[in-house]
Amino acid sequence: MTTRILGWLLPPVDVDTAADASRHARAGSIAVGVLLAGSVTFWRLLR
């Protein structure tokens, strides 16, 4: 289900090698981590 949502949000990407796949996964996890850290910092500032 998560893959379907990501496939819907992101444009279709042709991944040729496992290195590209790991690079995309790493970029996605970094983006999620940045969003989580930003939201936590935002809520702490509000409190």
N, C-alpha and C. Protein backbone atom coordinates (compact mmCIF):
# COMPACT_ATOMS: atom_id res chain seq x y z
N MET A 1 0.84 -1.20 0.00
CA MET A 1 0.00 0.00 0.00
C MET A 1 0.88 1.25 0.00
N THR A 2 1.94 1.21 0.81
CA THR A 2 2.84 2.37 0.84
C THR A 2 3.50 2.56 -0.52
N THR A 3 3.85 1.46 -1.17
CA THR A 3 4.47 1.56 -2.50
C THR A 3 3.49 2.16 -3.49
N ARG A 4 2.21 1.81 -3.37
CA ARG A 4 1.23 2.36 -4.29
C ARG A 4 1.07 3.87 -4.07
N ILE A 5 1.08 4.30 -2.82
CA ILE A 5 0.96 5.73 -2.52
C ILE A 5 2.19 6.47 -3.05
N LEU A 6 3.38 5.91 -2.82
CA LEU A 6 4.59 6.57 -3.32
C LEU A 6 4.60 6.60 -4.84
N GLY A 7 4.15 5.51 -5.47
CA GLY A 7 4.09 5.50 -6.92
C GLY A 7 3.09 6.51 -7.46
N TRP A 8 2.07 6.81 -6.66
CA TRP A 8 1.08 7.80 -7.09
C TRP A 8 1.62 9.21 -6.89
N LEU A 9 2.35 9.44 -5.79
CA LEU A 9 2.87 10.77 -5.52
C LEU A 9 4.04 11.12 -6.42
N LEU A 10 4.94 10.16 -6.60
CA LEU A 10 6.15 10.44 -7.37
C LEU A 10 5.95 10.08 -8.84
N PRO A 11 6.59 10.82 -9.72
CA PRO A 11 6.54 10.45 -11.14
C PRO A 11 7.24 9.12 -11.35
N PRO A 12 6.84 8.38 -12.37
CA PRO A 12 7.47 7.07 -12.61
C PRO A 12 8.96 7.21 -12.90
N VAL A 13 9.75 6.41 -12.20
CA VAL A 13 11.20 6.48 -12.36
C VAL A 13 11.70 5.12 -12.80
N ASP A 14 12.50 5.10 -13.85
CA ASP A 14 13.10 3.85 -14.32
C ASP A 14 14.38 3.60 -13.55
N VAL A 15 14.38 2.56 -12.74
CA VAL A 15 15.56 2.22 -11.95
C VAL A 15 16.27 1.06 -12.64
N ASP A 16 17.49 1.32 -13.11
CA ASP A 16 18.21 0.28 -13.86
C ASP A 16 19.01 -0.64 -12.95
N THR A 17 19.67 -0.06 -11.94
CA THR A 17 20.56 -0.88 -11.12
C THR A 17 20.16 -0.81 -9.66
N ALA A 18 20.71 -1.72 -8.87
CA ALA A 18 20.43 -1.73 -7.43
C ALA A 18 21.02 -0.49 -6.77
N ALA A 19 22.09 0.05 -7.32
CA ALA A 19 22.69 1.26 -6.76
C ALA A 19 21.71 2.43 -6.87
N ASP A 20 21.05 2.54 -8.02
CA ASP A 20 20.05 3.59 -8.16
C ASP A 20 18.91 3.40 -7.17
N ALA A 21 18.48 2.15 -6.99
CA ALA A 21 17.39 1.87 -6.06
C ALA A 21 17.78 2.25 -4.64
N SER A 22 19.00 1.89 -4.24
CA SER A 22 19.43 2.22 -2.88
C SER A 22 19.59 3.72 -2.73
N ARG A 23 20.03 4.38 -3.80
CA ARG A 23 20.18 5.84 -3.73
C ARG A 23 18.81 6.50 -3.55
N HIS A 24 17.81 6.04 -4.30
CA HIS A 24 16.47 6.59 -4.16
C HIS A 24 15.92 6.31 -2.76
N ALA A 25 16.16 5.11 -2.26
CA ALA A 25 15.66 4.76 -0.92
C ALA A 25 16.33 5.63 0.13
N ARG A 26 17.64 5.86 -0.03
CA ARG A 26 18.35 6.68 0.94
C ARG A 26 17.83 8.12 0.90
N ALA A 27 17.61 8.66 -0.30
CA ALA A 27 17.10 10.01 -0.42
C ALA A 27 15.70 10.11 0.20
N GLY A 28 14.88 9.09 0.00
CA GLY A 28 13.54 9.10 0.58
C GLY A 28 13.58 9.05 2.09
N SER A 29 14.46 8.22 2.64
CA SER A 29 14.54 8.12 4.10
C SER A 29 15.09 9.41 4.69
N ILE A 30 16.04 10.05 4.00
CA ILE A 30 16.58 11.33 4.48
C ILE A 30 15.47 12.38 4.47
N ALA A 31 14.66 12.41 3.40
CA ALA A 31 13.58 13.39 3.33
C ALA A 31 12.58 13.16 4.47
N VAL A 32 12.25 11.89 4.73
CA VAL A 32 11.31 11.59 5.82
C VAL A 32 11.90 12.01 7.16
N GLY A 33 13.18 11.74 7.37
CA GLY A 33 13.83 12.14 8.62
C GLY A 33 13.84 13.65 8.80
N VAL A 34 14.10 14.38 7.73
CA VAL A 34 14.11 15.84 7.81
C VAL A 34 12.71 16.36 8.14
N LEU A 35 11.68 15.78 7.50
CA LEU A 35 10.32 16.20 7.78
C LEU A 35 9.94 15.92 9.24
N LEU A 36 10.32 14.73 9.73
CA LEU A 36 10.00 14.38 11.12
C LEU A 36 10.71 15.31 12.08
N ALA A 37 11.99 15.56 11.85
CA ALA A 37 12.75 16.44 12.74
C ALA A 37 12.18 17.86 12.70
N GLY A 38 11.80 18.31 11.52
CA GLY A 38 11.23 19.66 11.40
C GLY A 38 9.91 19.78 12.13
N SER A 39 9.06 18.76 12.03
CA SER A 39 7.76 18.82 12.70
C SER A 39 7.94 18.75 14.21
N VAL A 40 8.87 17.91 14.69
CA VAL A 40 9.11 17.82 16.13
C VAL A 40 9.63 19.16 16.66
N THR A 41 10.57 19.77 15.94
CA THR A 41 11.10 21.07 16.36
C THR A 41 10.00 22.12 16.35
N PHE A 42 9.12 22.07 15.33
CA PHE A 42 8.02 23.04 15.24
C PHE A 42 7.09 22.92 16.43
N TRP A 43 6.73 21.67 16.80
CA TRP A 43 5.82 21.48 17.93
C TRP A 43 6.47 21.90 19.24
N ARG A 44 7.79 21.66 19.37
CA ARG A 44 8.48 22.08 20.59
C ARG A 44 8.50 23.60 20.69
N LEU A 45 8.63 24.28 19.56
CA LEU A 45 8.62 25.75 19.59
C LEU A 45 7.23 26.27 19.96
N LEU A 46 6.19 25.58 19.52
CA LEU A 46 4.85 26.01 19.85
C LEU A 46 4.56 25.83 21.34
N ARG A 47 5.10 24.79 21.94
CA ARG A 47 4.89 24.56 23.37
C ARG A 47 5.80 25.48 24.15
